[in-house]
Amino acid sequence: MIKKILLWKEQMRNKKLKCKLESIKTKLITEKQRNRFLRKVLASVSKENGILRDGWVTDYCDNCNKQVTILWDSEQDGISAFCPFCGGKLALCDSCTGPCDYDYGTDKCKADR
């Protein structure tokens, strides 16, 4: 009689554990699918970010106190641009690759010469 009761308790415990295991498997499958989807989204966002980042330059205009983002090729157009809001001169120093040799007298640097 005791053996039957112990066997029954063990079977009930096994049944509960199987249910928990099935629920964990279901959650794991769901998370794997979500992970695959998020990887695809991340890849597409990274691709869009790379496309948008190419050629866009962000700088701060000292004249109108605004942050300006413009499409600019610093190799072809130099590192001086003009603010689209106030027309003030922007020095795109973040695009410069060498040491700074800005000449305050002529308002130029080596990249503009």
N, C-alpha and C. Protein backbone atom coordinates (compact mmCIF):
# COMPACT_ATOMS: atom_id res chain seq x y z
N MET A 1 0.81 -1.18 0.00
CA MET A 1 0.00 0.00 0.00
C MET A 1 0.87 1.27 0.00
N ILE A 2 1.89 1.29 0.83
CA ILE A 2 2.79 2.44 0.90
C ILE A 2 3.52 2.60 -0.43
N LYS A 3 3.89 1.49 -1.04
CA LYS A 3 4.56 1.55 -2.34
C LYS A 3 3.67 2.20 -3.38
N LYS A 4 2.39 1.88 -3.38
CA LYS A 4 1.46 2.47 -4.34
C LYS A 4 1.32 3.97 -4.11
N ILE A 5 1.27 4.37 -2.86
CA ILE A 5 1.16 5.81 -2.54
C ILE A 5 2.42 6.53 -2.98
N LEU A 6 3.58 5.98 -2.69
CA LEU A 6 4.85 6.60 -3.10
C LEU A 6 4.97 6.65 -4.62
N LEU A 7 4.54 5.58 -5.28
CA LEU A 7 4.57 5.55 -6.74
C LEU A 7 3.64 6.62 -7.32
N TRP A 8 2.47 6.74 -6.74
CA TRP A 8 1.50 7.74 -7.20
C TRP A 8 2.06 9.15 -7.01
N LYS A 9 2.68 9.43 -5.85
CA LYS A 9 3.29 10.74 -5.59
C LYS A 9 4.40 11.03 -6.60
N GLU A 10 5.19 10.03 -6.88
CA GLU A 10 6.29 10.19 -7.85
C GLU A 10 5.74 10.47 -9.25
N GLN A 11 4.68 9.78 -9.61
CA GLN A 11 4.04 10.01 -10.92
C GLN A 11 3.48 11.43 -11.01
N MET A 12 2.87 11.91 -9.95
CA MET A 12 2.33 13.27 -9.92
C MET A 12 3.45 14.31 -10.03
N ARG A 13 4.54 14.04 -9.33
CA ARG A 13 5.69 14.95 -9.39
C ARG A 13 6.25 14.97 -10.82
N ASN A 14 6.36 13.79 -11.44
CA ASN A 14 6.84 13.71 -12.83
C ASN A 14 5.91 14.45 -13.77
N LYS A 15 4.62 14.33 -13.56
CA LYS A 15 3.64 15.00 -14.41
C LYS A 15 3.80 16.52 -14.33
N LYS A 16 3.98 17.04 -13.10
CA LYS A 16 4.18 18.48 -12.90
C LYS A 16 5.47 18.95 -13.57
N LEU A 17 6.51 18.15 -13.42
CA LEU A 17 7.79 18.52 -14.03
C LEU A 17 7.71 18.50 -15.55
N LYS A 18 6.97 17.54 -16.12
CA LYS A 18 6.79 17.50 -17.57
C LYS A 18 6.04 18.72 -18.06
N CYS A 19 5.02 19.14 -17.31
CA CYS A 19 4.28 20.35 -17.68
C CYS A 19 5.18 21.58 -17.66
N LYS A 20 5.99 21.68 -16.61
CA LYS A 20 6.93 22.80 -16.52
C LYS A 20 7.92 22.77 -17.68
N LEU A 21 8.41 21.59 -17.99
CA LEU A 21 9.36 21.44 -19.08
C LEU A 21 8.73 21.85 -20.41
N GLU A 22 7.50 21.44 -20.65
CA GLU A 22 6.81 21.81 -21.89
C GLU A 22 6.61 23.32 -21.97
N SER A 23 6.27 23.93 -20.85
CA SER A 23 6.09 25.39 -20.85
C SER A 23 7.42 26.09 -21.13
N ILE A 24 8.50 25.59 -20.56
CA ILE A 24 9.82 26.18 -20.80
C ILE A 24 10.22 25.99 -22.26
N LYS A 25 9.95 24.84 -22.83
CA LYS A 25 10.26 24.59 -24.25
C LYS A 25 9.50 25.56 -25.14
N THR A 26 8.21 25.77 -24.83
CA THR A 26 7.39 26.70 -25.61
C THR A 26 7.96 28.12 -25.53
N LYS A 27 8.35 28.54 -24.32
CA LYS A 27 8.93 29.88 -24.15
C LYS A 27 10.25 29.99 -24.91
N LEU A 28 11.05 28.93 -24.88
CA LEU A 28 12.33 28.94 -25.57
C LEU A 28 12.13 29.07 -27.08
N ILE A 29 11.18 28.34 -27.62
CA ILE A 29 10.90 28.42 -29.06
C ILE A 29 10.43 29.83 -29.42
N THR A 30 9.56 30.40 -28.59
CA THR A 30 9.07 31.76 -28.82
C THR A 30 10.22 32.76 -28.79
N GLU A 31 11.10 32.62 -27.80
CA GLU A 31 12.24 33.53 -27.69
C GLU A 31 13.21 33.38 -28.86
N LYS A 32 13.40 32.17 -29.34
CA LYS A 32 14.27 31.95 -30.51
C LYS A 32 13.69 32.65 -31.73
N GLN A 33 12.37 32.52 -31.93
CA GLN A 33 11.72 33.17 -33.06
C GLN A 33 11.84 34.69 -32.93
N ARG A 34 11.62 35.19 -31.72
CA ARG A 34 11.74 36.64 -31.49
C ARG A 34 13.17 37.10 -31.74
N ASN A 35 14.14 36.30 -31.30
CA ASN A 35 15.54 36.63 -31.50
C ASN A 35 15.88 36.69 -32.99
N ARG A 36 15.38 35.72 -33.77
CA ARG A 36 15.61 35.74 -35.22
C ARG A 36 15.03 37.01 -35.85
N PHE A 37 13.80 37.34 -35.45
CA PHE A 37 13.16 38.54 -35.97
C PHE A 37 13.96 39.79 -35.61
N LEU A 38 14.39 39.89 -34.35
CA LEU A 38 15.15 41.06 -33.93
C LEU A 38 16.50 41.17 -34.64
N ARG A 39 17.12 40.02 -34.94
CA ARG A 39 18.38 40.06 -35.71
C ARG A 39 18.15 40.62 -37.10
N LYS A 40 17.03 40.22 -37.73
CA LYS A 40 16.71 40.76 -39.06
C LYS A 40 16.46 42.25 -38.99
N VAL A 41 15.73 42.69 -37.98
CA VAL A 41 15.45 44.12 -37.82
C VAL A 41 16.74 44.88 -37.57
N LEU A 42 17.61 44.34 -36.73
CA LEU A 42 18.89 44.99 -36.44
C LEU A 42 19.74 45.11 -37.70
N ALA A 43 19.76 44.08 -38.53
CA ALA A 43 20.53 44.13 -39.77
C ALA A 43 19.99 45.20 -40.70
N SER A 44 18.68 45.30 -40.83
CA SER A 44 18.12 46.31 -41.72
C SER A 44 18.35 47.72 -41.18
N VAL A 45 18.24 47.89 -39.85
CA VAL A 45 18.48 49.21 -39.26
C VAL A 45 19.96 49.60 -39.40
N SER A 46 20.85 48.63 -39.22
CA SER A 46 22.28 48.92 -39.38
C SER A 46 22.59 49.33 -40.81
N LYS A 47 21.95 48.68 -41.76
CA LYS A 47 22.16 49.02 -43.17
C LYS A 47 21.65 50.43 -43.45
N GLU A 48 20.45 50.76 -42.94
CA GLU A 48 19.91 52.11 -43.13
C GLU A 48 20.79 53.14 -42.46
N ASN A 49 21.32 52.83 -41.27
CA ASN A 49 22.19 53.74 -40.56
C ASN A 49 23.46 54.01 -41.36
N GLY A 50 24.02 52.97 -41.96
CA GLY A 50 25.22 53.15 -42.79
C GLY A 50 24.95 54.02 -44.00
N ILE A 51 23.78 53.83 -44.61
CA ILE A 51 23.42 54.65 -45.77
C ILE A 51 23.24 56.11 -45.36
N LEU A 52 22.56 56.32 -44.23
CA LEU A 52 22.32 57.69 -43.77
C LEU A 52 23.58 58.37 -43.27
N ARG A 53 24.47 57.59 -42.67
CA ARG A 53 25.66 58.18 -42.08
C ARG A 53 26.65 58.66 -43.15
N ASP A 54 26.72 57.98 -44.29
CA ASP A 54 27.65 58.37 -45.34
C ASP A 54 27.34 59.76 -45.85
N GLY A 55 28.26 60.67 -45.64
CA GLY A 55 28.12 62.01 -46.19
C GLY A 55 27.41 63.00 -45.29
N TRP A 56 26.81 62.58 -44.21
CA TRP A 56 26.12 63.51 -43.32
C TRP A 56 27.10 64.00 -42.26
N VAL A 57 27.11 65.32 -42.08
CA VAL A 57 28.00 65.95 -41.10
C VAL A 57 27.15 66.76 -40.14
N THR A 58 27.42 66.63 -38.87
CA THR A 58 26.70 67.39 -37.84
C THR A 58 27.69 68.31 -37.15
N ASP A 59 27.30 69.58 -37.03
CA ASP A 59 28.14 70.55 -36.36
C ASP A 59 27.26 71.56 -35.64
N TYR A 60 27.86 72.33 -34.76
CA TYR A 60 27.15 73.33 -33.98
C TYR A 60 27.46 74.71 -34.55
N CYS A 61 26.42 75.48 -34.84
CA CYS A 61 26.61 76.84 -35.37
C CYS A 61 26.74 77.81 -34.20
N ASP A 62 27.86 78.51 -34.14
CA ASP A 62 28.08 79.48 -33.07
C ASP A 62 27.24 80.73 -33.23
N ASN A 63 26.83 81.03 -34.46
CA ASN A 63 26.08 82.27 -34.70
C ASN A 63 24.62 82.16 -34.24
N CYS A 64 23.94 81.08 -34.60
CA CYS A 64 22.51 80.95 -34.26
C CYS A 64 22.26 79.93 -33.15
N ASN A 65 23.33 79.33 -32.61
CA ASN A 65 23.24 78.37 -31.51
C ASN A 65 22.33 77.18 -31.83
N LYS A 66 22.48 76.63 -33.03
CA LYS A 66 21.71 75.46 -33.44
C LYS A 66 22.65 74.36 -33.89
N GLN A 67 22.19 73.13 -33.72
CA GLN A 67 22.94 71.99 -34.25
C GLN A 67 22.50 71.78 -35.68
N VAL A 68 23.46 71.72 -36.59
CA VAL A 68 23.18 71.64 -38.02
C VAL A 68 23.68 70.30 -38.56
N THR A 69 22.82 69.60 -39.29
CA THR A 69 23.21 68.36 -39.95
C THR A 69 23.01 68.57 -41.45
N ILE A 70 24.09 68.43 -42.20
CA ILE A 70 24.02 68.66 -43.65
C ILE A 70 24.71 67.51 -44.38
N LEU A 71 24.31 67.32 -45.62
CA LEU A 71 24.96 66.35 -46.47
C LEU A 71 26.18 67.03 -47.08
N TRP A 72 27.38 66.52 -46.77
CA TRP A 72 28.60 67.23 -47.14
C TRP A 72 29.72 66.23 -47.40
N ASP A 73 30.43 66.43 -48.50
CA ASP A 73 31.60 65.63 -48.81
C ASP A 73 32.82 66.47 -48.49
N SER A 74 33.44 66.23 -47.35
CA SER A 74 34.54 67.09 -46.90
C SER A 74 35.78 66.94 -47.76
N GLU A 75 35.98 65.80 -48.41
CA GLU A 75 37.15 65.65 -49.28
C GLU A 75 37.01 66.50 -50.53
N GLN A 76 35.82 66.55 -51.07
CA GLN A 76 35.59 67.31 -52.31
C GLN A 76 35.29 68.78 -52.03
N ASP A 77 34.48 69.06 -51.00
CA ASP A 77 34.00 70.42 -50.75
C ASP A 77 34.79 71.17 -49.69
N GLY A 78 35.75 70.53 -49.04
CA GLY A 78 36.50 71.19 -47.98
C GLY A 78 35.78 71.05 -46.65
N ILE A 79 36.34 71.70 -45.61
CA ILE A 79 35.72 71.56 -44.30
C ILE A 79 35.03 72.84 -43.85
N SER A 80 34.83 73.78 -44.74
CA SER A 80 34.07 74.98 -44.41
C SER A 80 32.74 74.94 -45.14
N ALA A 81 31.68 75.16 -44.39
CA ALA A 81 30.34 75.19 -44.97
C ALA A 81 29.60 76.38 -44.35
N PHE A 82 28.39 76.61 -44.79
CA PHE A 82 27.60 77.70 -44.26
C PHE A 82 26.31 77.16 -43.65
N CYS A 83 25.91 77.76 -42.54
CA CYS A 83 24.73 77.33 -41.81
C CYS A 83 23.48 77.60 -42.65
N PRO A 84 22.59 76.62 -42.82
CA PRO A 84 21.38 76.83 -43.60
C PRO A 84 20.36 77.71 -42.88
N PHE A 85 20.53 77.94 -41.58
CA PHE A 85 19.59 78.75 -40.82
C PHE A 85 19.95 80.23 -40.84
N CYS A 86 21.23 80.53 -40.55
CA CYS A 86 21.62 81.94 -40.44
C CYS A 86 22.65 82.37 -41.49
N GLY A 87 23.25 81.44 -42.21
CA GLY A 87 24.26 81.77 -43.21
C GLY A 87 25.65 81.93 -42.65
N GLY A 88 25.82 81.71 -41.35
CA GLY A 88 27.14 81.83 -40.72
C GLY A 88 28.06 80.70 -41.16
N LYS A 89 29.36 80.93 -41.00
CA LYS A 89 30.34 79.95 -41.44
C LYS A 89 30.46 78.82 -40.42
N LEU A 90 30.46 77.59 -40.92
CA LEU A 90 30.65 76.40 -40.09
C LEU A 90 32.03 75.83 -40.40
N ALA A 91 32.81 75.60 -39.38
CA ALA A 91 34.09 74.91 -39.56
C ALA A 91 33.86 73.46 -39.18
N LEU A 92 33.87 72.57 -40.14
CA LEU A 92 33.59 71.16 -39.91
C LEU A 92 34.87 70.45 -39.47
N CYS A 93 35.37 70.83 -38.33
CA CYS A 93 36.66 70.34 -37.84
C CYS A 93 36.64 68.84 -37.54
N ASP A 94 35.46 68.26 -37.25
CA ASP A 94 35.41 66.83 -36.98
C ASP A 94 35.73 66.02 -38.23
N SER A 95 35.56 66.63 -39.40
CA SER A 95 35.86 65.94 -40.65
C SER A 95 37.33 66.01 -41.03
N CYS A 96 38.09 66.83 -40.36
CA CYS A 96 39.50 67.01 -40.65
C CYS A 96 40.28 65.79 -40.17
N THR A 97 41.27 65.38 -40.94
CA THR A 97 42.01 64.16 -40.60
C THR A 97 43.38 64.44 -39.99
N GLY A 98 43.91 65.62 -40.13
CA GLY A 98 45.25 65.90 -39.64
C GLY A 98 45.23 66.78 -38.42
N PRO A 99 46.43 67.21 -37.99
CA PRO A 99 46.50 68.13 -36.86
C PRO A 99 45.95 69.50 -37.25
N CYS A 100 45.37 70.19 -36.30
CA CYS A 100 44.72 71.47 -36.58
C CYS A 100 45.78 72.54 -36.84
N ASP A 101 45.67 73.20 -37.99
CA ASP A 101 46.56 74.33 -38.30
C ASP A 101 45.72 75.51 -38.76
N TYR A 102 44.63 75.76 -38.07
CA TYR A 102 43.71 76.85 -38.40
C TYR A 102 44.42 78.18 -38.22
N ASP A 103 44.33 79.07 -39.23
CA ASP A 103 44.94 80.39 -39.19
C ASP A 103 43.82 81.42 -38.96
N TYR A 104 43.82 82.02 -37.78
CA TYR A 104 42.76 82.98 -37.44
C TYR A 104 42.82 84.24 -38.29
N GLY A 105 43.99 84.59 -38.78
CA GLY A 105 44.12 85.79 -39.61
C GLY A 105 43.44 85.64 -40.97
N THR A 106 43.67 84.51 -41.62
CA THR A 106 43.06 84.29 -42.95
C THR A 106 41.75 83.52 -42.86
N ASP A 107 41.40 83.02 -41.67
CA ASP A 107 40.19 82.24 -41.45
C ASP A 107 40.17 80.99 -42.32
N LYS A 108 41.34 80.35 -42.44
CA LYS A 108 41.45 79.12 -43.24
C LYS A 108 42.34 78.13 -42.53
N CYS A 109 42.21 76.88 -42.96
CA CYS A 109 43.12 75.85 -42.46
C CYS A 109 43.64 75.08 -43.68
N LYS A 110 44.50 74.09 -43.44
CA LYS A 110 45.14 73.39 -44.55
C LYS A 110 44.14 72.70 -45.46
N ALA A 111 43.00 72.26 -44.93
CA ALA A 111 42.01 71.55 -45.75
C ALA A 111 41.30 72.50 -46.70
N ASP A 112 41.24 73.79 -46.39
CA ASP A 112 40.58 74.77 -47.25
C ASP A 112 41.52 75.39 -48.28
N ARG A 113 42.81 75.24 -48.09
CA ARG A 113 43.76 75.93 -48.98
C ARG A 113 43.87 75.27 -50.32
